[in-house]
Amino acid sequence: MQIALAPMEGLVDEILRDVLTPIGGIDWCVSEFIRVNDRLLCESHFQKLAPELAHGAATRAGTPMRVQLLGSDPICLADNAALACQLGAPVIDLNFGCPAKTVNKSRGGAVLLKEPELLHAIVREVRRAVPAHVPVTAKMRLGYDSPDGAIDCARALVAGGASQLVVHARTKVEGYKPPAHWEWVARVQEAVAVPVYANGEIWTLEDWRRCREVSGVDDVMLGRGLVSRPDLARQIAAARDGFSVTPMSWAEVLPLLAEFWRQARRKLAPRYAPGRLKQWLGMLTRSYPEAMTLFAQVRVEHDCTRLDALLGVRIEAPSETLEPSP
């Protein structure tokens, strides 16, 4: 059984991956999707969204990171996958699950689930282009507006060469609205002969137990649940191994938040860093009532130096702006 940290554009970036993976329980993580249109991207584009490539494709905690690509042109995706491997990507993951309207309008993400033949062609060409020892994996939803084609899509991906599937147990139209249809994960696993990971609505240890019972699969990918409860993977890993751990307290989360802010101050422009802090702190309020008090103070603040004081962070030198936008 493995536990993965989901790729979430604009949320689970290299900063949050760096902060979350040392807590424990996460077997591997995935970069934010790298959008591929009609050209071979430059190396700096990969390095921007997957900077871990410069350090053995792993976070500082040693957690392996896969590179995720998103697009609809099989040949162009194949060329970029080959480049990603040259840069050190240990696994190429393909995104067929993003529900964002802007992404779907440009023929990326979940909209491709309407075209199983194209899914097959994409995976086939990427599989041909990358070294034999580099696995090609895929993340999908149950469909665009209905799960009726989920089995056909899963079979098309595996027939193309995908060695592993992550199934977000909702359609594109359902977005992130509960419930997740874990029973469909079971159907997908019955239909394909590769490991299938369950994804969606796993917020607590109890959710994981129910998901495992309903889906029948052992492997899981955690997204918003892990961002909202940073030790969720550690709790699940402990339960998997037959013991329990004391849940992380708010006092233990605060240093993580401070480190996140410290890195955001170094890597993001002052106009964008506060928004990233508010984004994660807002999600933490779901699991930690104490976070509400701090969030009430932070949400109206835009000055980075005052946020430093609120979080007890001392910035030794002026911020180095590496990223002009979030």
C-alpha atoms as a PDB file:
ATOM      1  CA  MET A   1       0.000   0.000   0.000  1.00  0.00           C
ATOM      2  CA  GLN A   2       1.262   3.458  -0.935  1.00  0.00           C
ATOM      3  CA  ILE A   3       0.125   6.972  -0.067  1.00  0.00           C
ATOM      4  CA  ALA A   4       0.646   9.801  -2.559  1.00  0.00           C
ATOM      5  CA  LEU A   5       0.380  13.568  -2.253  1.00  0.00           C
ATOM      6  CA  ALA A   6      -1.811  14.892  -5.067  1.00  0.00           C
ATOM      7  CA  PRO A   7      -0.723  17.513  -7.574  1.00  0.00           C
ATOM      8  CA  MET A   8      -2.903  20.603  -7.122  1.00  0.00           C
ATOM      9  CA  GLU A   9      -2.226  23.608  -9.348  1.00  0.00           C
ATOM     10  CA  GLY A  10      -1.580  26.795  -7.421  1.00  0.00           C
ATOM     11  CA  LEU A  11      -1.672  25.010  -4.080  1.00  0.00           C
ATOM     12  CA  VAL A  12       0.679  22.034  -3.758  1.00  0.00           C
ATOM     13  CA  ASP A  13       3.735  23.755  -5.183  1.00  0.00           C
ATOM     14  CA  GLU A  14       7.371  23.093  -4.280  1.00  0.00           C
ATOM     15  CA  ILE A  15       6.986  25.109  -1.068  1.00  0.00           C
ATOM     16  CA  LEU A  16       4.100  23.054   0.279  1.00  0.00           C
ATOM     17  CA  ARG A  17       5.687  19.812  -0.933  1.00  0.00           C
ATOM     18  CA  ASP A  18       8.813  20.761   1.010  1.00  0.00           C
ATOM     19  CA  VAL A  19       6.830  21.517   4.163  1.00  0.00           C
ATOM     20  CA  LEU A  20       4.497  18.507   4.082  1.00  0.00           C
ATOM     21  CA  THR A  21       6.727  15.615   3.037  1.00  0.00           C
ATOM     22  CA  PRO A  22       8.990  15.596   6.152  1.00  0.00           C
ATOM     23  CA  ILE A  23       5.967  14.888   8.383  1.00  0.00           C
ATOM     24  CA  GLY A  24       5.891  11.291   7.190  1.00  0.00           C
ATOM     25  CA  GLY A  25       3.591   8.814   5.493  1.00  0.00           C
ATOM     26  CA  ILE A  26       3.888  10.235   1.962  1.00  0.00           C
ATOM     27  CA  ASP A  27       5.499   7.716  -0.392  1.00  0.00           C
ATOM     28  CA  TRP A  28       5.634  10.011  -3.417  1.00  0.00           C
ATOM     29  CA  CYS A  29       4.345  13.327  -4.705  1.00  0.00           C
ATOM     30  CA  VAL A  30       3.653  14.930  -8.080  1.00  0.00           C
ATOM     31  CA  SER A  31       4.515  18.300  -9.576  1.00  0.00           C
ATOM     32  CA  GLU A  32       1.845  20.794 -10.515  1.00  0.00           C
ATOM     33  CA  PHE A  33       0.819  20.042 -14.085  1.00  0.00           C
ATOM     34  CA  ILE A  34       3.091  21.361 -16.813  1.00  0.00           C
ATOM     35  CA  ARG A  35       0.885  22.528 -19.650  1.00  0.00           C
ATOM     36  CA  VAL A  36       1.971  21.344 -23.098  1.00  0.00           C
ATOM     37  CA  ASN A  37       0.436  22.983 -26.164  1.00  0.00           C
ATOM     38  CA  ASP A  38       2.152  22.856 -29.528  1.00  0.00           C
ATOM     39  CA  ARG A  39       5.863  23.155 -28.858  1.00  0.00           C
ATOM     40  CA  LEU A  40       8.779  21.725 -26.963  1.00  0.00           C
ATOM     41  CA  LEU A  41       9.082  23.636 -23.713  1.00  0.00           C
ATOM     42  CA  CYS A  42      12.366  25.085 -22.532  1.00  0.00           C
ATOM     43  CA  GLU A  43      14.183  23.507 -19.613  1.00  0.00           C
ATOM     44  CA  SER A  44      13.498  26.499 -17.379  1.00  0.00           C
ATOM     45  CA  HIS A  45       9.765  25.832 -17.617  1.00  0.00           C
ATOM     46  CA  PHE A  46      10.219  22.385 -16.114  1.00  0.00           C
ATOM     47  CA  GLN A  47      12.605  23.734 -13.490  1.00  0.00           C
ATOM     48  CA  LYS A  48      10.087  26.397 -12.475  1.00  0.00           C
ATOM     49  CA  LEU A  49       7.242  23.994 -11.696  1.00  0.00           C
ATOM     50  CA  ALA A  50       9.375  21.010 -10.695  1.00  0.00           C
ATOM     51  CA  PRO A  51      12.542  22.468  -9.123  1.00  0.00           C
ATOM     52  CA  GLU A  52      13.162  19.173  -7.346  1.00  0.00           C
ATOM     53  CA  LEU A  53      14.511  17.916 -10.687  1.00  0.00           C
ATOM     54  CA  ALA A  54      17.744  19.683  -9.789  1.00  0.00           C
ATOM     55  CA  HIS A  55      17.986  17.615  -6.600  1.00  0.00           C
ATOM     56  CA  GLY A  56      17.390  14.062  -7.733  1.00  0.00           C
ATOM     57  CA  ALA A  57      13.656  14.559  -8.361  1.00  0.00           C
ATOM     58  CA  ALA A  58      12.952  14.412  -4.634  1.00  0.00           C
ATOM     59  CA  THR A  59      11.978  16.845  -1.912  1.00  0.00           C
ATOM     60  CA  ARG A  60      14.492  17.755   0.792  1.00  0.00           C
ATOM     61  CA  ALA A  61      12.926  15.005   2.911  1.00  0.00           C
ATOM     62  CA  GLY A  62      13.791  12.477   0.197  1.00  0.00           C
ATOM     63  CA  THR A  63      10.235  11.947  -1.051  1.00  0.00           C
ATOM     64  CA  PRO A  64      10.273  11.084  -4.786  1.00  0.00           C
ATOM     65  CA  MET A  65       8.528  13.535  -7.109  1.00  0.00           C
ATOM     66  CA  ARG A  66       6.909  12.652 -10.422  1.00  0.00           C
ATOM     67  CA  VAL A  67       6.504  15.122 -13.276  1.00  0.00           C
ATOM     68  CA  GLN A  68       2.959  15.655 -14.514  1.00  0.00           C
ATOM     69  CA  LEU A  69       2.136  16.828 -18.034  1.00  0.00           C
ATOM     70  CA  LEU A  70      -1.197  18.113 -19.335  1.00  0.00           C
ATOM     71  CA  GLY A  71      -2.217  18.524 -22.957  1.00  0.00           C
ATOM     72  CA  SER A  72      -3.929  16.869 -25.917  1.00  0.00           C
ATOM     73  CA  ASP A  73      -1.277  16.563 -28.651  1.00  0.00           C
ATOM     74  CA  PRO A  74       0.199  13.040 -28.413  1.00  0.00           C
ATOM     75  CA  ILE A  75       3.417  13.833 -30.282  1.00  0.00           C
ATOM     76  CA  CYS A  76       4.072  17.102 -28.489  1.00  0.00           C
ATOM     77  CA  LEU A  77       3.403  15.492 -25.125  1.00  0.00           C
ATOM     78  CA  ALA A  78       5.763  12.674 -26.055  1.00  0.00           C
ATOM     79  CA  ASP A  79       8.548  15.107 -26.971  1.00  0.00           C
ATOM     80  CA  ASN A  80       8.152  17.006 -23.713  1.00  0.00           C
ATOM     81  CA  ALA A  81       8.004  13.789 -21.709  1.00  0.00           C
ATOM     82  CA  ALA A  82      11.313  12.756 -23.243  1.00  0.00           C
ATOM     83  CA  LEU A  83      12.834  16.093 -22.245  1.00  0.00           C
ATOM     84  CA  ALA A  84      11.476  15.743 -18.714  1.00  0.00           C
ATOM     85  CA  CYS A  85      13.207  12.377 -18.466  1.00  0.00           C
ATOM     86  CA  GLN A  86      16.470  13.911 -19.676  1.00  0.00           C
ATOM     87  CA  LEU A  87      16.100  16.438 -16.853  1.00  0.00           C
ATOM     88  CA  GLY A  88      15.706  13.651 -14.330  1.00  0.00           C
ATOM     89  CA  ALA A  89      11.996  12.827 -14.086  1.00  0.00           C
ATOM     90  CA  PRO A  90      11.721   9.289 -12.631  1.00  0.00           C
ATOM     91  CA  VAL A  91       8.058   8.916 -13.634  1.00  0.00           C
ATOM     92  CA  ILE A  92       5.884  10.720 -16.185  1.00  0.00           C
ATOM     93  CA  ASP A  93       2.313  11.283 -15.032  1.00  0.00           C
ATOM     94  CA  LEU A  94      -0.426  12.431 -17.417  1.00  0.00           C
ATOM     95  CA  ASN A  95      -3.314  14.619 -16.286  1.00  0.00           C
ATOM     96  CA  PHE A  96      -6.782  13.613 -17.461  1.00  0.00           C
ATOM     97  CA  GLY A  97      -8.546  14.851 -14.347  1.00  0.00           C
ATOM     98  CA  CYS A  98      -8.257  18.629 -14.059  1.00  0.00           C
ATOM     99  CA  PRO A  99     -11.806  20.081 -13.976  1.00  0.00           C
ATOM    100  CA  ALA A 100     -10.842  23.760 -14.474  1.00  0.00           C
ATOM    101  CA  LYS A 101     -12.883  25.455 -17.202  1.00  0.00           C
ATOM    102  CA  THR A 102      -9.892  27.269 -18.696  1.00  0.00           C
ATOM    103  CA  VAL A 103      -7.951  24.018 -18.914  1.00  0.00           C
ATOM    104  CA  ASN A 104     -10.842  22.070 -20.423  1.00  0.00           C
ATOM    105  CA  LYS A 105     -11.517  24.796 -23.007  1.00  0.00           C
ATOM    106  CA  SER A 106      -7.990  24.339 -24.307  1.00  0.00           C
ATOM    107  CA  ARG A 107      -8.500  20.551 -24.561  1.00  0.00           C
ATOM    108  CA  GLY A 108      -6.681  19.581 -21.437  1.00  0.00           C
ATOM    109  CA  GLY A 109      -7.587  17.608 -18.334  1.00  0.00           C
ATOM    110  CA  ALA A 110     -10.962  15.969 -17.779  1.00  0.00           C
ATOM    111  CA  VAL A 111     -12.519  17.040 -21.083  1.00  0.00           C
ATOM    112  CA  LEU A 112     -10.369  14.399 -22.810  1.00  0.00           C
ATOM    113  CA  LEU A 113     -12.341  11.693 -21.020  1.00  0.00           C
ATOM    114  CA  LYS A 114     -14.883  12.196 -23.807  1.00  0.00           C
ATOM    115  CA  GLU A 115     -12.301  10.719 -26.204  1.00  0.00           C
ATOM    116  CA  PRO A 116     -10.953   7.324 -25.067  1.00  0.00           C
ATOM    117  CA  GLU A 117      -9.160   6.874 -28.403  1.00  0.00           C
ATOM    118  CA  LEU A 118      -7.198  10.069 -27.802  1.00  0.00           C
ATOM    119  CA  LEU A 119      -6.342   8.975 -24.260  1.00  0.00           C
ATOM    120  CA  HIS A 120      -4.891   5.781 -25.704  1.00  0.00           C
ATOM    121  CA  ALA A 121      -2.923   7.660 -28.358  1.00  0.00           C
ATOM    122  CA  ILE A 122      -1.426  10.070 -25.828  1.00  0.00           C
ATOM    123  CA  VAL A 123      -0.241   7.379 -23.461  1.00  0.00           C
ATOM    124  CA  ARG A 124       1.008   5.222 -26.342  1.00  0.00           C
ATOM    125  CA  GLU A 125       3.157   8.008 -27.799  1.00  0.00           C
ATOM    126  CA  VAL A 126       4.516   9.071 -24.414  1.00  0.00           C
ATOM    127  CA  ARG A 127       5.324   5.457 -23.565  1.00  0.00           C
ATOM    128  CA  ARG A 128       7.227   5.104 -26.844  1.00  0.00           C
ATOM    129  CA  ALA A 129       9.180   8.320 -26.276  1.00  0.00           C
ATOM    130  CA  VAL A 130      10.485   7.778 -22.752  1.00  0.00           C
ATOM    131  CA  PRO A 131      13.105   5.255 -21.599  1.00  0.00           C
ATOM    132  CA  ALA A 132      11.801   1.795 -20.836  1.00  0.00           C
ATOM    133  CA  HIS A 133      12.704   2.060 -17.154  1.00  0.00           C
ATOM    134  CA  VAL A 134      10.600   5.223 -16.686  1.00  0.00           C
ATOM    135  CA  PRO A 135       6.987   4.381 -15.773  1.00  0.00           C
ATOM    136  CA  VAL A 136       4.126   6.294 -17.399  1.00  0.00           C
ATOM    137  CA  THR A 137       1.123   6.794 -15.130  1.00  0.00           C
ATOM    138  CA  ALA A 138      -2.166   8.657 -15.432  1.00  0.00           C
ATOM    139  CA  LYS A 139      -4.703  10.448 -13.296  1.00  0.00           C
ATOM    140  CA  MET A 140      -8.325  10.463 -14.396  1.00  0.00           C
ATOM    141  CA  ARG A 141     -11.796  11.284 -13.164  1.00  0.00           C
ATOM    142  CA  LEU A 142     -14.829   9.060 -13.646  1.00  0.00           C
ATOM    143  CA  GLY A 143     -15.826  10.982 -16.743  1.00  0.00           C
ATOM    144  CA  TYR A 144     -16.897  14.400 -17.936  1.00  0.00           C
ATOM    145  CA  ASP A 145     -20.563  14.448 -16.965  1.00  0.00           C
ATOM    146  CA  SER A 146     -21.234  10.750 -16.351  1.00  0.00           C
ATOM    147  CA  PRO A 147     -19.239   7.776 -15.055  1.00  0.00           C
ATOM    148  CA  ASP A 148     -20.642   5.535 -17.777  1.00  0.00           C
ATOM    149  CA  GLY A 149     -17.419   5.705 -19.791  1.00  0.00           C
ATOM    150  CA  ALA A 150     -15.016   5.346 -16.874  1.00  0.00           C
ATOM    151  CA  ILE A 151     -14.169   1.713 -17.617  1.00  0.00           C
ATOM    152  CA  ASP A 152     -13.520   2.427 -21.303  1.00  0.00           C
ATOM    153  CA  CYS A 153     -11.230   5.328 -20.394  1.00  0.00           C
ATOM    154  CA  ALA A 154      -9.304   3.285 -17.846  1.00  0.00           C
ATOM    155  CA  ARG A 155      -8.835   0.426 -20.311  1.00  0.00           C
ATOM    156  CA  ALA A 156      -7.697   2.852 -23.014  1.00  0.00           C
ATOM    157  CA  LEU A 157      -5.066   4.326 -20.701  1.00  0.00           C
ATOM    158  CA  VAL A 158      -3.737   0.947 -19.648  1.00  0.00           C
ATOM    159  CA  ALA A 159      -3.762  -0.384 -23.212  1.00  0.00           C
ATOM    160  CA  GLY A 160      -1.685   2.636 -24.193  1.00  0.00           C
ATOM    161  CA  GLY A 161       0.938   1.778 -21.613  1.00  0.00           C
ATOM    162  CA  ALA A 162      -0.067   3.340 -18.301  1.00  0.00           C
ATOM    163  CA  SER A 163       1.356   1.216 -15.492  1.00  0.00           C
ATOM    164  CA  GLN A 164      -0.730   2.824 -12.753  1.00  0.00           C
ATOM    165  CA  LEU A 165      -3.951   4.838 -12.512  1.00  0.00           C
ATOM    166  CA  VAL A 166      -5.175   7.351  -9.970  1.00  0.00           C
ATOM    167  CA  VAL A 167      -8.955   7.689 -10.067  1.00  0.00           C
ATOM    168  CA  HIS A 168     -10.537  10.818  -8.656  1.00  0.00           C
ATOM    169  CA  ALA A 169     -13.938   9.352  -7.855  1.00  0.00           C
ATOM    170  CA  ARG A 170     -16.068  12.140  -9.322  1.00  0.00           C
ATOM    171  CA  THR A 171     -16.866  13.476 -12.783  1.00  0.00           C
ATOM    172  CA  LYS A 172     -15.658  16.791 -14.107  1.00  0.00           C
ATOM    173  CA  VAL A 173     -19.135  18.289 -13.723  1.00  0.00           C
ATOM    174  CA  GLU A 174     -19.277  17.209 -10.078  1.00  0.00           C
ATOM    175  CA  GLY A 175     -16.023  19.048  -9.432  1.00  0.00           C
ATOM    176  CA  TYR A 176     -15.211  18.710  -5.739  1.00  0.00           C
ATOM    177  CA  LYS A 177     -18.762  18.328  -4.472  1.00  0.00           C
ATOM    178  CA  PRO A 178     -19.280  15.378  -2.116  1.00  0.00           C
ATOM    179  CA  PRO A 179     -19.725  12.513  -2.193  1.00  0.00           C
ATOM    180  CA  ALA A 180     -16.883  10.739  -3.954  1.00  0.00           C
ATOM    181  CA  HIS A 181     -18.084   7.581  -5.671  1.00  0.00           C
ATOM    182  CA  TRP A 182     -15.533   5.127  -4.298  1.00  0.00           C
ATOM    183  CA  GLU A 183     -17.556   2.188  -5.578  1.00  0.00           C
ATOM    184  CA  TRP A 184     -16.502   3.197  -9.100  1.00  0.00           C
ATOM    185  CA  VAL A 185     -12.856   2.879  -8.112  1.00  0.00           C
ATOM    186  CA  ALA A 186     -13.611  -0.762  -7.354  1.00  0.00           C
ATOM    187  CA  ARG A 187     -15.114  -1.196 -10.822  1.00  0.00           C
ATOM    188  CA  VAL A 188     -12.089   0.365 -12.464  1.00  0.00           C
ATOM    189  CA  GLN A 189      -9.723  -1.871 -10.514  1.00  0.00           C
ATOM    190  CA  GLU A 190     -11.705  -4.930 -11.583  1.00  0.00           C
ATOM    191  CA  ALA A 191     -11.366  -3.856 -15.230  1.00  0.00           C
ATOM    192  CA  VAL A 192      -7.608  -3.252 -15.406  1.00  0.00           C
ATOM    193  CA  ALA A 193      -4.541  -5.233 -14.395  1.00  0.00           C
ATOM    194  CA  VAL A 194      -2.498  -2.326 -12.988  1.00  0.00           C
ATOM    195  CA  PRO A 195      -2.578  -0.722  -9.523  1.00  0.00           C
ATOM    196  CA  VAL A 196      -5.402   1.791  -9.023  1.00  0.00           C
ATOM    197  CA  TYR A 197      -5.253   4.560  -6.431  1.00  0.00           C
ATOM    198  CA  ALA A 198      -8.410   5.977  -4.854  1.00  0.00           C
ATOM    199  CA  ASN A 199      -8.646   9.763  -4.652  1.00  0.00           C
ATOM    200  CA  GLY A 200     -11.330  12.112  -3.372  1.00  0.00           C
ATOM    201  CA  GLU A 201     -13.031  13.023  -0.065  1.00  0.00           C
ATOM    202  CA  ILE A 202     -10.457  11.438   2.230  1.00  0.00           C
ATOM    203  CA  TRP A 203     -10.273  14.015   5.010  1.00  0.00           C
ATOM    204  CA  THR A 204      -9.760  11.815   8.062  1.00  0.00           C
ATOM    205  CA  LEU A 205      -8.496   8.412   9.128  1.00  0.00           C
ATOM    206  CA  GLU A 206     -12.112   7.251   9.288  1.00  0.00           C
ATOM    207  CA  ASP A 207     -12.691   8.399   5.700  1.00  0.00           C
ATOM    208  CA  TRP A 208      -9.675   6.366   4.597  1.00  0.00           C
ATOM    209  CA  ARG A 209     -11.044   3.251   6.294  1.00  0.00           C
ATOM    210  CA  ARG A 210     -14.418   3.663   4.597  1.00  0.00           C
ATOM    211  CA  CYS A 211     -12.783   4.378   1.242  1.00  0.00           C
ATOM    212  CA  ARG A 212     -10.677   1.250   1.535  1.00  0.00           C
ATOM    213  CA  GLU A 213     -13.733  -0.835   2.392  1.00  0.00           C
ATOM    214  CA  VAL A 214     -15.876   0.533  -0.440  1.00  0.00           C
ATOM    215  CA  SER A 215     -13.224   0.784  -3.159  1.00  0.00           C
ATOM    216  CA  GLY A 216     -11.384  -2.398  -2.281  1.00  0.00           C
ATOM    217  CA  VAL A 217      -8.043  -0.771  -3.158  1.00  0.00           C
ATOM    218  CA  ASP A 218      -5.153  -0.230  -0.781  1.00  0.00           C
ATOM    219  CA  ASP A 219      -3.391   2.692  -2.490  1.00  0.00           C
ATOM    220  CA  VAL A 220      -4.621   6.246  -2.002  1.00  0.00           C
ATOM    221  CA  MET A 221      -3.810   9.741  -3.196  1.00  0.00           C
ATOM    222  CA  LEU A 222      -4.535  12.559  -0.752  1.00  0.00           C
ATOM    223  CA  GLY A 223      -5.200  16.117  -1.852  1.00  0.00           C
ATOM    224  CA  ARG A 224      -7.190  18.683   0.085  1.00  0.00           C
ATOM    225  CA  GLY A 225      -7.492  16.297   3.032  1.00  0.00           C
ATOM    226  CA  LEU A 226      -3.736  16.210   3.529  1.00  0.00           C
ATOM    227  CA  VAL A 227      -3.342  19.955   2.984  1.00  0.00           C
ATOM    228  CA  SER A 228      -6.002  20.549   5.636  1.00  0.00           C
ATOM    229  CA  ARG A 229      -4.593  17.937   8.039  1.00  0.00           C
ATOM    230  CA  PRO A 230      -0.805  17.810   7.463  1.00  0.00           C
ATOM    231  CA  ASP A 231      -0.267  14.543   9.317  1.00  0.00           C
ATOM    232  CA  LEU A 232      -3.102  12.626   7.633  1.00  0.00           C
ATOM    233  CA  ALA A 233      -0.699  10.493   5.595  1.00  0.00           C
ATOM    234  CA  ARG A 234       1.269   9.679   8.751  1.00  0.00           C
ATOM    235  CA  GLN A 235      -1.925   8.660  10.544  1.00  0.00           C
ATOM    236  CA  ILE A 236      -2.988   6.425   7.651  1.00  0.00           C
ATOM    237  CA  ALA A 237       0.469   4.873   7.333  1.00  0.00           C
ATOM    238  CA  ALA A 238       0.457   4.057  11.032  1.00  0.00           C
ATOM    239  CA  ALA A 239      -3.008   2.477  10.830  1.00  0.00           C
ATOM    240  CA  ARG A 240      -1.920   0.516   7.767  1.00  0.00           C
ATOM    241  CA  ASP A 241       0.991  -0.877   9.781  1.00  0.00           C
ATOM    242  CA  GLY A 242      -1.190  -1.768  12.759  1.00  0.00           C
ATOM    243  CA  PHE A 243      -0.503   1.009  15.230  1.00  0.00           C
ATOM    244  CA  SER A 244      -1.645   4.552  15.928  1.00  0.00           C
ATOM    245  CA  VAL A 245       0.014   7.921  16.332  1.00  0.00           C
ATOM    246  CA  THR A 246      -1.090  10.982  18.251  1.00  0.00           C
ATOM    247  CA  PRO A 247      -2.661  13.463  15.815  1.00  0.00           C
ATOM    248  CA  MET A 248      -0.656  16.601  15.203  1.00  0.00           C
ATOM    249  CA  SER A 249      -1.720  19.487  17.440  1.00  0.00           C
ATOM    250  CA  TRP A 250      -2.180  23.088  16.370  1.00  0.00           C
ATOM    251  CA  ALA A 251       0.962  23.949  18.323  1.00  0.00           C
ATOM    252  CA  GLU A 252       2.856  21.516  16.074  1.00  0.00           C
ATOM    253  CA  VAL A 253       1.281  22.921  12.914  1.00  0.00           C
ATOM    254  CA  LEU A 254       2.272  26.526  13.668  1.00  0.00           C
ATOM    255  CA  PRO A 255       6.000  25.969  12.978  1.00  0.00           C
ATOM    256  CA  LEU A 256       5.057  24.413   9.619  1.00  0.00           C
ATOM    257  CA  LEU A 257       3.010  27.475   8.788  1.00  0.00           C
ATOM    258  CA  ALA A 258       5.905  29.728   9.771  1.00  0.00           C
ATOM    259  CA  GLU A 259       8.304  27.759   7.554  1.00  0.00           C
ATOM    260  CA  PHE A 260       5.814  27.914   4.689  1.00  0.00           C
ATOM    261  CA  TRP A 261       5.620  31.704   5.087  1.00  0.00           C
ATOM    262  CA  ARG A 262       9.408  31.988   5.314  1.00  0.00           C
ATOM    263  CA  GLN A 263       9.804  30.193   1.991  1.00  0.00           C
ATOM    264  CA  ALA A 264       6.940  32.091   0.369  1.00  0.00           C
ATOM    265  CA  ARG A 265       8.629  35.364   1.356  1.00  0.00           C
ATOM    266  CA  ARG A 266      11.838  34.227  -0.337  1.00  0.00           C
ATOM    267  CA  LYS A 267      10.277  32.883  -3.517  1.00  0.00           C
ATOM    268  CA  LEU A 268       7.214  35.043  -4.230  1.00  0.00           C
ATOM    269  CA  ALA A 269       6.730  38.729  -4.861  1.00  0.00           C
ATOM    270  CA  PRO A 270       5.352  40.626  -1.819  1.00  0.00           C
ATOM    271  CA  ARG A 271       2.025  41.202  -3.561  1.00  0.00           C
ATOM    272  CA  TYR A 272       1.458  37.442  -3.978  1.00  0.00           C
ATOM    273  CA  ALA A 273       2.979  35.879  -0.865  1.00  0.00           C
ATOM    274  CA  PRO A 274       0.132  36.897   1.507  1.00  0.00           C
ATOM    275  CA  GLY A 275      -2.425  35.228  -0.722  1.00  0.00           C
ATOM    276  CA  ARG A 276      -0.598  31.915  -0.598  1.00  0.00           C
ATOM    277  CA  LEU A 277      -0.455  32.099   3.193  1.00  0.00           C
ATOM    278  CA  LYS A 278      -4.163  32.853   3.450  1.00  0.00           C
ATOM    279  CA  GLN A 279      -4.956  30.011   1.056  1.00  0.00           C
ATOM    280  CA  TRP A 280      -3.271  27.360   3.190  1.00  0.00           C
ATOM    281  CA  LEU A 281      -4.320  28.834   6.530  1.00  0.00           C
ATOM    282  CA  GLY A 282      -7.914  28.954   5.324  1.00  0.00           C
ATOM    283  CA  MET A 283      -7.773  25.254   4.518  1.00  0.00           C
ATOM    284  CA  LEU A 284      -6.268  24.456   7.920  1.00  0.00           C
ATOM    285  CA  THR A 285      -9.353  25.939   9.604  1.00  0.00           C
ATOM    286  CA  ARG A 286     -11.255  22.835   8.487  1.00  0.00           C
ATOM    287  CA  SER A 287      -9.226  20.605  10.836  1.00  0.00           C
ATOM    288  CA  TYR A 288      -8.009  23.037  13.501  1.00  0.00           C
ATOM    289  CA  PRO A 289     -10.523  25.362  15.182  1.00  0.00           C
ATOM    290  CA  GLU A 290      -7.590  27.325  16.611  1.00  0.00           C
ATOM    291  CA  ALA A 291      -6.649  28.316  13.084  1.00  0.00           C
ATOM    292  CA  MET A 292      -9.776  30.462  12.863  1.00  0.00           C
ATOM    293  CA  THR A 293      -8.368  33.066  15.250  1.00  0.00           C
ATOM    294  CA  LEU A 294      -5.153  33.459  13.288  1.00  0.00           C
ATOM    295  CA  PHE A 295      -7.004  33.416   9.991  1.00  0.00           C
ATOM    296  CA  ALA A 296      -9.224  36.289  11.159  1.00  0.00           C
ATOM    297  CA  GLN A 297      -6.069  38.345  11.762  1.00  0.00           C
ATOM    298  CA  VAL A 298      -4.289  37.312   8.589  1.00  0.00           C
ATOM    299  CA  ARG A 299      -7.141  37.614   6.102  1.00  0.00           C
ATOM    300  CA  VAL A 300      -7.269  41.426   6.292  1.00  0.00           C
ATOM    301  CA  GLU A 301      -3.495  41.893   6.265  1.00  0.00           C
ATOM    302  CA  HIS A 302      -1.474  42.568   3.125  1.00  0.00           C
ATOM    303  CA  ASP A 303       1.768  43.893   4.545  1.00  0.00           C
ATOM    304  CA  CYS A 304       4.442  41.192   4.638  1.00  0.00           C
ATOM    305  CA  THR A 305       6.321  42.685   7.581  1.00  0.00           C
ATOM    306  CA  ARG A 306       3.186  42.686   9.722  1.00  0.00           C
ATOM    307  CA  LEU A 307       2.522  39.088   8.706  1.00  0.00           C
ATOM    308  CA  ASP A 308       6.082  38.299   9.769  1.00  0.00           C
ATOM    309  CA  ALA A 309       5.217  39.584  13.242  1.00  0.00           C
ATOM    310  CA  LEU A 310       1.939  37.666  13.412  1.00  0.00           C
ATOM    311  CA  LEU A 311       3.725  34.411  12.587  1.00  0.00           C
ATOM    312  CA  GLY A 312       6.820  35.129  14.635  1.00  0.00           C
ATOM    313  CA  VAL A 313       9.029  34.929  11.559  1.00  0.00           C
ATOM    314  CA  ARG A 314      12.213  36.938  11.306  1.00  0.00           C
ATOM    315  CA  ILE A 315      13.415  37.690   7.804  1.00  0.00           C
ATOM    316  CA  GLU A 316      17.165  38.199   7.901  1.00  0.00           C
ATOM    317  CA  ALA A 317      17.538  39.711   4.455  1.00  0.00           C
ATOM    318  CA  PRO A 318      15.280  41.372   1.863  1.00  0.00           C
ATOM    319  CA  SER A 319      13.035  38.934   0.055  1.00  0.00           C
ATOM    320  CA  GLU A 320      14.424  37.499  -3.161  1.00  0.00           C
ATOM    321  CA  THR A 321      11.621  37.464  -5.696  1.00  0.00           C
ATOM    322  CA  LEU A 322      12.018  34.377  -7.819  1.00  0.00           C
ATOM    323  CA  GLU A 323       8.422  34.083  -8.959  1.00  0.00           C
ATOM    324  CA  PRO A 324       6.578  37.153 -10.247  1.00  0.00           C
ATOM    325  CA  SER A 325       3.200  35.451  -9.966  1.00  0.00           C
ATOM    326  CA  PRO A 326       1.561  32.651  -7.943  1.00  0.00           C
END
